[in-house]
Protein backbone atom coordinates (compact mmCIF):
# COMPACT_ATOMS: atom_id res chain seq x y z
CA MET A 1 0.00 0.00 0.00
CA SER A 2 1.48 3.34 -1.04
CA ILE A 3 1.75 6.38 1.22
CA ARG A 4 -0.54 9.27 0.34
CA ARG A 5 -1.36 12.70 1.71
CA LEU A 6 -4.63 12.98 3.56
CA PRO A 7 -7.09 15.58 2.27
CA GLU A 8 -7.21 18.81 4.29
CA HIS A 9 -10.81 18.34 5.48
CA LEU A 10 -9.90 14.89 6.88
CA VAL A 11 -6.79 16.28 8.57
CA ASN A 12 -8.96 18.94 10.22
CA ARG A 13 -11.43 16.35 11.49
CA ILE A 14 -8.66 14.15 12.89
CA ALA A 15 -7.12 17.17 14.61
CA ALA A 16 -10.53 18.20 15.94
CA GLY A 17 -10.81 14.85 17.69
CA GLU A 18 -7.96 15.85 20.00
CA VAL A 19 -9.58 19.13 21.03
CA VAL A 20 -13.34 18.56 20.66
CA GLU A 21 -14.42 15.33 22.31
CA ARG A 22 -17.95 16.45 23.19
CA PRO A 23 -19.97 19.68 23.52
CA ALA A 24 -18.32 20.43 26.87
CA SER A 25 -14.90 20.44 25.18
CA ALA A 26 -16.02 22.98 22.58
CA LEU A 27 -17.68 25.11 25.25
CA LYS A 28 -14.51 25.11 27.34
CA GLU A 29 -12.45 26.44 24.44
CA LEU A 30 -14.97 29.18 23.64
CA VAL A 31 -15.30 30.37 27.25
CA GLU A 32 -11.51 30.39 27.65
CA ASN A 33 -11.26 32.58 24.55
CA ALA A 34 -13.81 34.97 26.06
CA ILE A 35 -11.84 35.18 29.31
CA ASP A 36 -8.58 35.80 27.42
CA ALA A 37 -10.36 38.58 25.48
CA GLY A 38 -10.85 40.54 28.71
CA ALA A 39 -14.60 39.92 29.08
CA ARG A 40 -16.39 41.08 32.23
CA ARG A 41 -19.64 39.27 31.43
CA ILE A 42 -20.04 35.95 29.61
CA ALA A 43 -23.48 34.61 28.61
CA ILE A 44 -23.83 30.98 27.53
CA ARG A 45 -26.82 29.40 25.82
CA LEU A 46 -27.18 25.65 25.22
CA VAL A 47 -29.76 23.53 23.42
CA ALA A 48 -29.94 19.74 23.95
CA GLY A 49 -26.87 19.78 26.15
CA GLY A 50 -24.88 21.61 23.48
CA THR A 51 -25.31 19.01 20.74
CA GLU A 52 -27.72 21.26 18.81
CA LEU A 53 -26.48 24.69 19.87
CA ILE A 54 -23.67 26.29 21.86
CA GLU A 55 -23.70 30.07 21.99
CA VAL A 56 -21.14 32.13 23.92
CA THR A 57 -21.46 35.91 24.06
CA ASP A 58 -18.89 38.15 25.76
CA ASP A 59 -18.16 41.87 26.11
CA GLY A 60 -14.43 41.56 25.48
CA HIS A 61 -12.27 43.67 23.17
CA GLY A 62 -13.53 41.98 19.98
CA MET A 63 -11.78 41.30 16.66
CA SER A 64 -11.42 43.05 13.34
CA PRO A 65 -12.58 41.27 10.13
CA ALA A 66 -8.97 40.43 9.25
CA GLU A 67 -8.34 38.97 12.70
CA MET A 68 -11.52 36.91 12.46
CA ALA A 69 -10.35 35.34 9.20
CA LEU A 70 -6.98 34.56 10.73
CA ALA A 71 -8.55 33.14 13.89
CA LEU A 72 -10.30 30.48 11.82
CA GLU A 73 -7.00 29.25 10.42
CA ARG A 74 -5.18 26.45 12.20
CA HIS A 75 -2.33 27.38 14.56
CA ALA A 76 -3.04 31.11 14.40
CA THR A 77 -3.20 32.79 17.82
CA SER A 78 -2.79 36.17 19.44
CA LYS A 79 -1.73 34.69 22.76
CA LEU A 80 1.91 33.92 22.02
CA PRO A 81 3.72 37.18 21.19
CA ASP A 82 6.96 35.23 20.71
CA GLU A 83 8.10 31.60 20.62
CA ALA A 84 8.51 31.27 24.42
CA ILE A 85 5.65 28.84 24.96
CA GLU A 86 6.86 28.15 28.50
CA ASN A 87 5.92 31.73 29.47
CA VAL A 88 2.29 31.55 28.35
CA THR A 89 -0.09 33.29 30.77
CA THR A 90 -3.40 32.89 28.91
CA LEU A 91 -5.80 29.93 29.07
CA GLY A 92 -5.54 29.28 25.34
CA PHE A 93 -2.41 29.38 23.21
CA ARG A 94 -2.47 26.57 20.65
CA GLY A 95 -4.60 28.29 18.01
CA GLU A 96 -6.57 25.11 17.35
CA ALA A 97 -9.95 25.64 19.00
CA LEU A 98 -11.96 27.67 16.49
CA PRO A 99 -10.77 25.87 13.31
CA SER A 100 -11.22 22.48 15.00
CA ILE A 101 -14.79 23.28 16.03
CA ALA A 102 -15.57 24.80 12.64
CA SER A 103 -14.45 21.59 10.90
CA VAL A 104 -17.09 19.44 12.67
CA ALA A 105 -20.02 21.87 13.05
CA ARG A 106 -21.64 24.98 11.61
CA LEU A 107 -19.85 27.91 13.28
CA THR A 108 -20.99 31.52 13.18
CA LEU A 109 -18.42 34.02 14.43
CA GLU A 110 -19.59 37.60 15.05
CA SER A 111 -17.37 40.27 16.58
CA ARG A 112 -17.06 44.00 16.94
CA MET A 113 -14.29 46.17 18.34
CA ARG A 114 -15.23 49.34 20.21
CA GLY A 115 -15.49 52.24 17.80
CA ALA A 116 -15.76 49.94 14.76
CA GLU A 117 -18.45 48.09 12.80
CA GLY A 118 -19.42 44.50 13.52
CA TRP A 119 -18.55 41.62 11.19
CA ALA A 120 -19.67 38.00 10.83
CA ARG A 121 -18.22 34.86 9.25
CA VAL A 122 -20.07 31.57 8.84
CA VAL A 123 -18.13 28.31 8.35
CA ASP A 124 -20.00 25.04 7.78
CA ASN A 125 -17.90 21.94 8.53
CA GLY A 126 -14.72 23.58 7.30
CA ALA A 127 -16.14 25.49 4.30
CA LEU A 128 -16.68 29.27 4.36
CA VAL A 129 -20.37 29.89 3.65
CA SER A 130 -20.75 33.64 4.02
CA GLU A 131 -19.36 36.79 5.63
CA GLY A 132 -20.54 40.34 5.98
CA PRO A 133 -21.58 43.13 8.37
CA ALA A 134 -23.33 42.21 11.61
CA ALA A 135 -25.32 44.21 14.16
CA ILE A 136 -23.72 43.30 17.46
CA PRO A 137 -22.63 45.22 20.58
CA PRO A 138 -18.91 45.45 21.32
CA GLY A 139 -17.52 42.00 22.01
CA THR A 140 -17.82 38.58 20.39
CA ARG A 141 -20.57 36.04 19.87
CA VAL A 142 -19.87 32.48 18.71
CA ARG A 143 -22.62 30.04 17.68
CA VAL A 144 -21.86 26.34 17.22
CA GLU A 145 -24.74 24.38 15.66
CA ALA A 146 -25.21 20.69 14.85
CA LEU A 147 -21.96 19.47 16.37
CA PHE A 148 -20.69 16.24 14.71
CA GLU A 149 -23.79 16.10 12.48
CA ARG A 150 -21.64 15.16 9.49
CA VAL A 151 -19.36 12.92 11.56
CA PRO A 152 -21.79 10.14 12.56
CA ALA A 153 -19.00 7.98 13.93
CA ARG A 154 -18.39 10.65 16.60
CA ARG A 155 -21.98 11.74 17.13
CA LYS A 156 -23.21 8.26 18.04
CA PHE A 157 -20.76 8.21 20.97
CA LEU A 158 -22.30 11.32 22.53
CA ARG A 159 -24.38 10.68 25.60
CA SER A 160 -27.88 11.93 26.32
CA GLY A 161 -28.63 15.65 26.25
CA ARG A 162 -28.92 15.70 30.04
CA ALA A 163 -25.51 14.05 30.50
CA GLU A 164 -23.86 16.40 28.00
CA TYR A 165 -25.45 19.36 29.74
CA ALA A 166 -24.09 18.20 33.11
CA ALA A 167 -20.57 18.01 31.65
CA SER A 168 -20.94 21.46 30.07
CA LEU A 169 -22.19 22.97 33.32
CA ASP A 170 -19.23 21.48 35.18
CA VAL A 171 -16.85 23.14 32.70
CA VAL A 172 -18.48 26.54 33.20
CA ARG A 173 -18.52 26.09 36.96
CA ARG A 174 -14.77 25.42 37.07
CA LEU A 175 -13.88 28.35 34.81
CA ALA A 176 -16.20 30.69 36.73
CA MET A 177 -14.70 29.61 40.03
CA ALA A 178 -11.24 30.70 38.92
CA ARG A 179 -12.47 34.17 37.91
CA PRO A 180 -14.78 35.66 40.58
CA ASP A 181 -14.30 39.06 38.93
CA ILE A 182 -16.28 37.94 35.83
CA GLY A 183 -20.04 37.44 35.67
CA PHE A 184 -21.35 34.21 34.11
CA SER A 185 -24.81 33.05 33.10
CA VAL A 186 -25.94 29.73 31.60
CA GLU A 187 -29.26 29.08 29.85
CA HIS A 188 -30.22 25.54 28.83
CA ASP A 189 -33.25 24.83 26.64
CA GLY A 190 -34.68 28.25 27.45
CA ARG A 191 -34.24 27.95 31.23
CA ARG A 192 -31.67 29.95 33.23
CA SER A 193 -29.67 27.45 35.30
CA LEU A 194 -26.67 29.40 36.58
CA THR A 195 -26.02 33.06 37.30
CA VAL A 196 -23.11 34.59 39.18
CA THR A 197 -22.28 38.29 39.20
CA GLY A 198 -18.77 39.61 38.93
CA GLY A 199 -16.90 41.24 41.77
CA GLU A 200 -17.48 38.49 44.36
CA SER A 201 -14.85 37.33 46.79
CA LEU A 202 -13.29 33.94 46.17
CA PRO A 203 -15.08 32.19 49.11
CA GLU A 204 -18.41 33.67 47.97
CA ARG A 205 -17.89 32.45 44.40
CA VAL A 206 -16.84 28.97 45.53
CA ALA A 207 -19.87 28.66 47.83
CA ALA A 208 -22.22 29.93 45.11
CA LEU A 209 -20.96 27.34 42.61
CA THR A 210 -20.60 24.33 44.91
CA ASP A 211 -22.61 24.26 48.14
CA ARG A 212 -23.88 27.21 50.17
CA GLY A 213 -22.79 25.35 53.28
CA MET A 214 -19.17 25.58 52.14
CA SER A 215 -18.85 29.10 53.56
CA GLU A 216 -19.87 27.88 57.03
CA ASN A 217 -18.16 24.49 56.91
CA GLY A 218 -14.92 25.40 55.17
CA VAL A 219 -11.53 26.78 56.16
CA ALA A 220 -9.45 29.30 54.22
CA ILE A 221 -6.11 28.20 52.74
CA ASP A 222 -3.26 30.68 52.44
CA LEU A 223 0.34 29.48 52.21
CA GLU A 224 3.40 30.82 50.40
CA ARG A 225 6.68 28.98 50.04
CA GLU A 226 9.70 29.31 47.71
CA GLY A 227 7.86 31.27 45.06
CA LEU A 228 4.73 29.08 45.18
CA ARG A 229 1.44 30.26 46.63
CA LEU A 230 -1.53 28.13 47.63
CA GLY A 231 -4.94 29.65 48.29
CA GLY A 232 -8.57 28.62 48.29
CA ILE A 233 -11.04 26.98 50.62
CA ALA A 234 -11.24 23.43 51.99
CA GLY A 235 -14.27 21.76 53.52
CA LEU A 236 -14.13 20.29 57.00
CA PRO A 237 -13.50 16.53 56.99
CA THR A 238 -17.10 15.91 58.06
CA PHE A 239 -18.32 18.09 55.17
CA ASN A 240 -17.67 15.47 52.51
CA ARG A 241 -19.22 13.85 49.45
CA GLY A 242 -19.49 10.35 48.05
CA VAL A 243 -17.65 11.19 44.81
CA ALA A 244 -14.55 13.23 44.02
CA ASP A 245 -16.36 15.48 41.52
CA HIS A 246 -16.45 18.28 44.08
CA GLN A 247 -12.68 18.80 44.13
CA TYR A 248 -11.73 21.86 42.09
CA LEU A 249 -8.02 22.30 41.39
CA PHE A 250 -6.44 25.22 39.56
CA VAL A 251 -2.88 25.97 38.50
CA ASN A 252 -2.21 29.60 37.57
CA GLY A 253 -5.95 30.11 37.10
CA ARG A 254 -6.27 27.09 34.80
CA PRO A 255 -8.69 24.28 35.83
CA VAL A 256 -6.78 21.00 35.84
CA LYS A 257 -7.40 17.36 36.69
CA ASP A 258 -4.02 16.23 37.87
CA ARG A 259 -3.26 12.94 39.66
CA LEU A 260 -0.52 14.54 41.72
CA LEU A 261 -2.85 17.19 43.11
CA VAL A 262 -5.70 14.74 43.73
CA GLY A 263 -3.32 12.42 45.56
CA ALA A 264 -2.05 15.31 47.69
CA VAL A 265 -5.61 16.19 48.74
CA ARG A 266 -6.30 12.57 49.64
CA GLY A 267 -3.11 12.42 51.70
CA ALA A 268 -3.93 15.63 53.56
CA TYR A 269 -7.30 14.25 54.69
CA ALA A 270 -5.93 10.82 55.63
CA GLU A 271 -7.27 9.51 58.96
CA MET A 272 -9.85 12.29 59.05
CA MET A 273 -12.34 10.89 56.57
CA PRO A 274 -13.87 7.50 55.70
CA ARG A 275 -12.18 5.83 52.76
CA ASP A 276 -15.33 5.91 50.65
CA ARG A 277 -15.86 9.66 51.12
CA HIS A 278 -14.15 12.59 49.40
CA ALA A 279 -13.28 16.08 50.56
CA MET A 280 -14.78 19.23 49.06
CA VAL A 281 -11.98 21.63 48.14
CA ALA A 282 -11.22 24.48 45.78
CA LEU A 283 -7.45 24.97 45.63
CA PHE A 284 -5.67 27.65 43.63
CA LEU A 285 -1.96 27.08 43.09
CA GLU A 286 0.20 29.88 41.71
CA VAL A 287 3.62 28.82 40.42
CA PRO A 288 6.21 30.54 38.21
CA ALA A 289 5.51 29.95 34.53
CA ASP A 290 8.83 28.19 34.00
CA ALA A 291 8.10 25.74 36.85
CA VAL A 292 5.08 24.13 35.18
CA ASP A 293 4.46 22.72 31.70
CA VAL A 294 0.91 23.36 30.48
CA ASN A 295 1.60 22.03 26.98
CA VAL A 296 1.10 18.39 27.92
CA HIS A 297 -2.28 17.64 26.34
CA PRO A 298 -4.35 19.38 23.64
CA ALA A 299 -7.24 19.79 26.08
CA LYS A 300 -4.88 21.61 28.49
CA THR A 301 -6.37 19.84 31.52
CA GLU A 302 -3.09 18.19 32.51
CA VAL A 303 0.09 19.86 33.71
CA ARG A 304 3.58 18.71 34.62
CA PHE A 305 5.56 20.27 37.46
CA ARG A 306 9.30 20.72 37.53
CA GLU A 307 9.39 19.82 41.26
CA PRO A 308 6.33 17.64 41.91
CA ALA A 309 7.45 16.57 45.40
CA MET A 310 7.58 20.17 46.60
CA VAL A 311 4.14 20.90 45.14
CA ARG A 312 2.62 17.82 46.80
CA GLY A 313 4.24 18.65 50.13
CA MET A 314 2.97 22.21 49.98
CA ILE A 315 -0.61 21.12 49.35
CA VAL A 316 -0.55 18.54 52.15
CA SER A 317 1.01 20.93 54.67
CA GLY A 318 -1.24 23.84 53.63
CA LEU A 319 -4.40 21.79 54.02
CA ARG A 320 -3.34 20.22 57.30
CA ARG A 321 -2.33 23.57 58.78
CA ALA A 322 -5.72 25.04 57.90
CA LEU A 323 -7.57 21.99 59.25
CA ASP A 324 -5.47 22.15 62.44
CA GLU A 325 -6.58 25.73 62.96
CA ALA A 326 -10.20 24.63 62.56
CA GLY A 327 -9.81 22.94 65.95
CA HIS A 328 -12.92 21.14 67.16
CA ARG A 329 -15.19 22.37 64.36
CA SER A 330 -17.54 19.85 62.80
CA VAL A 331 -20.43 20.06 60.39
CA GLN A 332 -23.58 20.94 62.29
CA ARG A 333 -26.56 19.91 60.21
CA PRO A 334 -28.80 17.33 61.94
CA SER A 335 -30.60 15.31 59.30
CA GLU A 336 -34.28 15.92 58.72
CA SER A 337 -35.01 12.24 59.33
CA ALA A 338 -33.23 12.37 62.70
CA LEU A 339 -35.19 15.42 63.77
CA ALA A 340 -38.45 13.93 62.51
CA ALA A 341 -37.89 10.83 64.61
CA TRP A 342 -38.31 12.96 67.73
CA THR A 343 -41.87 13.83 66.73
CA GLN A 344 -42.99 10.38 65.53
CA GLU A 345 -43.21 8.64 68.91
CA PRO A 346 -46.83 7.50 69.42
CA ALA A 347 -48.72 9.13 72.25
CA ALA A 348 -49.51 6.97 75.26
CA ALA A 349 -52.77 5.07 74.81
CA ALA A 350 -53.83 5.86 78.34
CA ALA A 351 -52.62 8.19 81.04
CA PRO A 352 -52.79 7.65 84.80
CA ASP A 353 -55.94 8.62 86.63
CA LEU A 354 -54.15 10.27 89.50
CA TRP A 355 -50.62 11.60 89.71
CA ASP A 356 -49.29 13.54 92.63
CA ALA A 357 -46.73 15.49 90.60
CA SER A 358 -45.86 18.12 93.13
CA GLY A 359 -45.67 16.16 96.32
CA ASP A 360 -48.10 18.53 98.04
CA GLY A 361 -51.17 16.39 97.65
CA ARG A 362 -52.49 18.02 94.48
CA GLN A 363 -53.72 15.55 91.92
CA TRP A 364 -54.09 15.64 88.17
CA GLU A 365 -57.07 13.89 86.62
CA ALA A 366 -56.43 12.14 83.36
CA PRO A 367 -58.90 12.63 80.48
CA ARG A 368 -61.50 9.94 80.06
CA PRO A 369 -61.07 7.55 77.14
CA ALA A 370 -63.35 8.12 74.15
CA ASN A 371 -64.91 4.68 74.59
CA GLN A 372 -66.55 4.75 78.02
CA HIS A 373 -66.93 0.96 78.00
CA ALA A 374 -63.24 0.26 77.35
CA VAL A 375 -61.51 -1.86 79.95
CA PHE A 376 -59.07 0.32 81.92
CA ASP A 377 -56.27 -1.57 83.68
CA ARG A 378 -54.82 0.76 86.29
CA ARG A 379 -51.74 -1.35 86.93
CA ALA A 380 -50.77 -1.62 83.24
CA SER A 381 -51.38 2.02 82.40
CA PHE A 382 -49.83 3.71 85.42
CA ILE A 383 -46.78 5.79 84.54
CA ALA A 384 -44.33 6.35 87.36
CA PRO A 385 -43.06 9.87 87.94
CA PRO A 386 -39.75 10.59 86.18
CA MET A 387 -36.76 9.47 88.22
CA ALA A 388 -33.13 10.54 87.77
CA ARG A 389 -29.83 10.38 89.62
CA ALA A 390 -28.06 13.68 90.17
CA GLU A 391 -24.63 14.20 91.64
CA PRO A 392 -24.36 16.69 94.50
CA ALA A 393 -23.35 20.15 93.29
CA TYR A 394 -20.40 21.21 95.41
CA ALA A 395 -19.98 24.38 93.31
CA PRO A 396 -22.25 26.44 91.07
CA PRO A 397 -22.53 24.98 87.53
CA PRO A 398 -20.07 26.53 85.03
CA ASP A 399 -21.24 29.33 82.79
CA THR A 400 -22.14 27.95 79.34
CA VAL A 401 -21.02 31.17 77.66
CA SER A 402 -17.38 30.42 78.42
CA PHE A 403 -17.15 27.16 76.47
CA PRO A 404 -17.92 26.51 72.77
CA LEU A 405 -18.99 22.92 73.50
CA GLY A 406 -20.88 23.88 76.63
CA VAL A 407 -20.92 22.14 80.01
CA ALA A 408 -21.92 18.55 80.68
CA ARG A 409 -25.44 17.98 81.95
CA GLY A 410 -25.58 14.19 81.75
CA GLN A 411 -24.99 10.99 79.80
CA VAL A 412 -27.36 9.05 77.55
CA ALA A 413 -27.12 5.29 76.92
CA LYS A 414 -23.69 5.32 78.58
CA THR A 415 -22.36 6.50 75.20
CA TYR A 416 -23.41 10.08 74.51
CA ILE A 417 -22.57 13.14 76.58
CA VAL A 418 -25.29 15.77 76.77
CA ALA A 419 -23.93 19.30 77.20
CA GLU A 420 -25.60 22.69 77.30
CA ALA A 421 -24.00 25.45 75.22
CA GLU A 422 -24.97 29.08 74.96
CA ASP A 423 -26.73 28.55 71.64
CA GLY A 424 -28.08 25.03 71.89
CA LEU A 425 -27.75 21.43 73.03
CA VAL A 426 -24.52 19.53 72.24
CA LEU A 427 -24.42 15.73 71.90
CA VAL A 428 -20.97 14.11 71.99
CA ASP A 429 -20.05 10.53 71.08
CA GLN A 430 -17.63 9.83 73.92
CA HIS A 431 -15.78 6.98 72.19
CA ALA A 432 -15.35 8.78 68.87
CA ALA A 433 -14.23 11.99 70.59
CA HIS A 434 -11.73 10.32 72.89
CA GLU A 435 -10.40 8.26 69.99
CA ARG A 436 -9.40 11.47 68.21
CA LEU A 437 -7.91 12.97 71.38
CA VAL A 438 -5.71 9.90 71.95
CA LEU A 439 -4.55 9.96 68.31
CA GLU A 440 -3.55 13.61 68.52
CA ARG A 441 -1.71 12.95 71.79
CA MET A 442 0.22 10.15 70.14
CA ARG A 443 1.12 12.34 67.17
CA LYS A 444 2.33 15.05 69.52
CA ALA A 445 4.40 12.55 71.48
CA MET A 446 5.90 11.19 68.25
CA ALA A 447 6.95 14.70 67.27
CA HIS A 448 8.79 15.03 70.60
CA GLY A 449 10.75 11.81 70.65
CA GLY A 450 8.26 8.94 70.84
CA VAL A 451 5.44 7.53 72.91
CA ALA A 452 6.20 6.32 76.42
CA SER A 453 5.90 2.55 76.91
CA GLN A 454 4.37 0.74 79.87
CA ALA A 455 5.99 -2.64 80.52
CA LEU A 456 3.63 -5.54 81.09
CA LEU A 457 4.02 -7.44 84.34
CA LEU A 458 3.67 -10.65 82.37
CA ALA A 459 4.56 -10.62 78.67
CA GLU A 460 1.66 -11.72 76.49
CA VAL A 461 2.00 -14.23 73.68
CA ILE A 462 -0.28 -13.61 70.69
CA GLU A 463 -0.71 -16.31 68.04
CA LEU A 464 -1.07 -15.13 64.43
CA ASP A 465 -0.44 -16.60 61.03
CA GLU A 466 3.13 -16.48 59.76
CA PRO A 467 2.71 -13.66 57.19
CA ALA A 468 1.13 -11.46 59.86
CA CYS A 469 4.07 -12.12 62.19
CA ASP A 470 6.47 -11.31 59.36
CA ARG A 471 4.79 -7.95 58.79
CA LEU A 472 4.84 -7.05 62.48
CA GLU A 473 8.47 -8.11 62.85
CA ALA A 474 9.50 -5.99 59.85
CA ARG A 475 7.83 -2.93 61.43
CA ALA A 476 8.87 -3.65 65.02
CA ALA A 477 11.15 -0.60 65.18
CA GLU A 478 8.39 1.75 64.01
CA LEU A 479 5.91 0.19 66.43
CA ASN A 480 8.41 0.59 69.25
CA GLU A 481 8.39 4.36 68.66
CA PHE A 482 4.69 4.23 69.52
CA GLY A 483 5.43 2.42 72.77
CA LEU A 484 4.51 -1.07 71.54
CA ASP A 485 7.36 -3.45 72.41
CA LEU A 486 7.10 -6.54 70.19
CA GLU A 487 9.42 -9.42 69.39
CA ARG A 488 9.11 -12.62 67.40
CA PHE A 489 8.18 -15.69 69.45
CA GLY A 490 8.41 -18.59 67.06
CA PRO A 491 7.08 -18.88 63.52
CA ARG A 492 3.45 -18.05 64.34
CA ALA A 493 3.47 -15.94 67.49
CA MET A 494 4.48 -12.50 68.74
CA LEU A 495 5.55 -11.61 72.27
CA VAL A 496 4.26 -8.30 73.65
CA ARG A 497 6.46 -6.88 76.43
CA GLY A 498 5.11 -3.34 76.58
CA VAL A 499 2.21 -1.22 75.38
CA PRO A 500 1.78 2.55 74.94
CA ALA A 501 1.36 4.04 78.42
CA MET A 502 -1.40 6.42 77.32
CA LEU A 503 -3.60 3.53 76.19
CA GLY A 504 -3.98 2.11 79.67
CA GLN A 505 -5.39 -1.38 80.15
CA GLY A 506 -6.59 -2.03 76.62
CA ASP A 507 -7.17 -5.18 74.59
CA VAL A 508 -3.60 -6.13 73.67
CA VAL A 509 -4.61 -9.11 71.54
CA GLY A 510 -7.13 -7.06 69.54
CA LEU A 511 -4.63 -4.22 69.11
CA VAL A 512 -1.85 -6.41 67.70
CA THR A 513 -4.26 -8.35 65.48
CA ASP A 514 -5.69 -5.15 64.01
CA LEU A 515 -2.21 -3.73 63.44
CA ALA A 516 -1.26 -6.83 61.47
CA ASP A 517 -4.37 -6.41 59.31
CA GLU A 518 -3.65 -2.70 58.76
CA LEU A 519 -0.10 -3.41 57.63
CA ALA A 520 -1.39 -6.05 55.21
CA ALA A 521 -3.85 -3.62 53.66
CA PHE A 522 -1.71 -0.50 53.42
CA ASP A 523 1.96 -1.39 53.82
CA GLU A 524 2.85 -1.34 50.15
CA ALA A 525 0.73 1.55 48.94
CA LEU A 526 1.44 4.20 51.58
CA SER A 527 4.44 6.27 52.54
CA LEU A 528 6.12 5.87 55.93
CA ARG A 529 4.27 8.87 57.37
CA GLU A 530 0.92 7.55 56.18
CA ARG A 531 1.69 4.08 57.57
CA LEU A 532 2.57 5.61 60.92
CA ASP A 533 -0.69 7.55 60.89
CA HIS A 534 -2.62 4.31 60.31
CA ILE A 535 -0.73 2.65 63.16
CA ALA A 536 -1.45 5.55 65.50
CA ALA A 537 -5.13 5.57 64.54
CA THR A 538 -5.48 1.84 65.21
CA MET A 539 -3.80 2.18 68.60
CA ALA A 540 -5.95 5.17 69.51
CA CYS A 541 -9.11 3.24 68.72
CA HIS A 542 -8.12 0.51 71.17
CA GLY A 543 -7.08 2.98 73.88
CA SER A 544 -10.07 5.28 73.91
CA VAL A 545 -13.04 5.41 76.23
CA ARG A 546 -15.44 2.74 75.11
CA ALA A 547 -19.14 3.18 74.54
CA GLY A 548 -21.03 1.84 77.53
CA ARG A 549 -18.77 3.28 80.21
CA VAL A 550 -20.38 5.54 82.80
CA LEU A 551 -18.52 8.85 83.14
CA SER A 552 -18.67 11.32 85.98
CA VAL A 553 -19.59 14.94 85.31
CA ALA A 554 -15.97 15.94 85.91
CA GLU A 555 -14.76 13.38 83.33
CA MET A 556 -17.32 14.57 80.80
CA ASN A 557 -16.32 18.21 81.23
CA ALA A 558 -12.63 17.32 81.00
CA LEU A 559 -13.33 15.55 77.69
CA LEU A 560 -15.22 18.59 76.35
CA ARG A 561 -12.46 21.01 77.36
CA GLU A 562 -9.76 18.91 75.69
CA MET A 563 -11.84 18.65 72.51
CA GLU A 564 -12.00 22.45 72.33
CA ILE A 565 -8.20 22.77 72.18
CA THR A 566 -7.40 19.69 70.07
CA PRO A 567 -7.06 19.87 66.26
CA HIS A 568 -9.48 17.74 64.20
CA SER A 569 -11.55 16.83 67.26
CA GLY A 570 -14.70 17.46 65.24
CA GLN A 571 -14.31 14.03 63.63
CA CYS A 572 -13.01 10.68 64.79
CA ASN A 573 -10.16 8.75 63.19
CA HIS A 574 -12.61 7.20 60.72
CA GLY A 575 -14.12 10.49 59.60
CA ARG A 576 -17.39 10.33 61.52
CA PRO A 577 -18.52 13.42 63.43
CA THR A 578 -17.75 13.39 67.16
CA TRP A 579 -20.39 15.93 68.14
CA VAL A 580 -23.55 17.53 66.82
CA LYS A 581 -25.52 20.50 68.01
CA LEU A 582 -29.25 21.07 68.20
CA ALA A 583 -29.61 24.83 68.04
CA HIS A 584 -32.28 26.53 70.10
CA GLY A 585 -34.27 27.04 66.91
CA ASP A 586 -34.20 23.28 66.15
CA ILE A 587 -35.39 22.45 69.66
CA GLU A 588 -38.21 24.99 69.39
CA LYS A 589 -39.32 23.39 66.11
CA LEU A 590 -39.45 19.98 67.79
CA PHE A 591 -41.92 21.35 70.35
CA GLY A 592 -43.93 23.34 67.84
CA ARG A 593 -42.85 26.72 69.16
CA LYS A 594 -41.80 27.80 65.67
């Protein structure tokens, strides 16, 4: 078979496949052009998810008729004044977007510079159809109709209009998030679906485009190191989602989907979130132009860093520092179903006839049943007066105003601490809360030379399978830093001589068994620091106050006070919340006062 040159229209369609995968890809290129043109307002109109129509209108500086003709030629751009592609500062720079889109759709380009007349060019699947004057305000309007209509092999791979619309909306959301100074609007099938005005602050724009609760349940990120700057907002660990689609990452204002950055976010939230949940973050990384390569992929969604380890370390440390400063904060949004359960208890079928409630002889007469002939069993229906045990108050109760988590008022089911705060009722899971406190103590001790060990009076022999013993023996030195003194005791047993002093009298067998399982699951995939975190978390779980233990008021208050000064105490080592609050307004709703 002889070699031949491909026709130009086929070359254009092949090239378009690298840039225009779906309507969202075309929309991304058009909106980026509008941003690069200095637009302050960008209006987007879609029909059938963008498969039938994509229209982008901006109020940027516009183009002259000669520039419009040049813009529709391949590899023609105004965004590279010289050949230094490594110094590019605009979102677009390849000069491929408009000609690629025009080769697989009907494209109408209208533009007008301030002080000049408007002009329009229409290109249908690569062929110029018409051009001439156009009545248009200053700026540019681009219409893309019938995308891939003449490329059936590509069109049949498009998804439903609703799915394509969701992808297009995600593209606009990411671009709008990076530029809070620009106003954006999206209309789909005649219905306005997104509107943000320009001039917002970054946290306001992020909250408007993601979740309104982000402003209340997020922490600000601000870190600068060696010419790199990291900013943005990160959700609390308990403010999470089931998918990673709510992680927005930007490099020099460019939305990217980079494995390095995603991995850094996952590492920063390690041991603060369940493994099947994902953090909500919007991170903006500013790096020198020569320290990042944006010319990796035609879609420009991937980047390559000159020093990836430093970038990853900066993201992890920046996120952890901000989450540390969040202290005991946790998401406070009791579910509607949980609140509704309080009001769904059935009323008692019958009330007592007589009840001396005051102790002074006064009696309350119960209402008569509706059926006068109903059998009324006094013994079965009598309700005893409420009884409770109260500790003697040797001093006046503390003032609730002084403490964010309030003061302890009691314990429910030997598991939950009930505390009264200035603005509501606080419920604390004592095991989950103490688990986090023990973990943070262990981390602090590790940073200052290691965890103290308590020698066992009688060494304990624990039988395990041989691979588990091998894993524990290989990590014996690391475990010793946590105060766990282990040594091999035959092929299938480990000898425990000492345990971490801060864990007290815990379940040694369960602790060592769980550690062996943790090392099997994570030993190969995680770094040393992450492995140590897993070890510390497992030990903390075994050394914390268990559910079902009765605590004194002094112990409960001590736990609350330590939570208030301990980082990450709003969630346990597995990512579950350690405390929730019923605000006064929620309580009033339960009793019908509001």
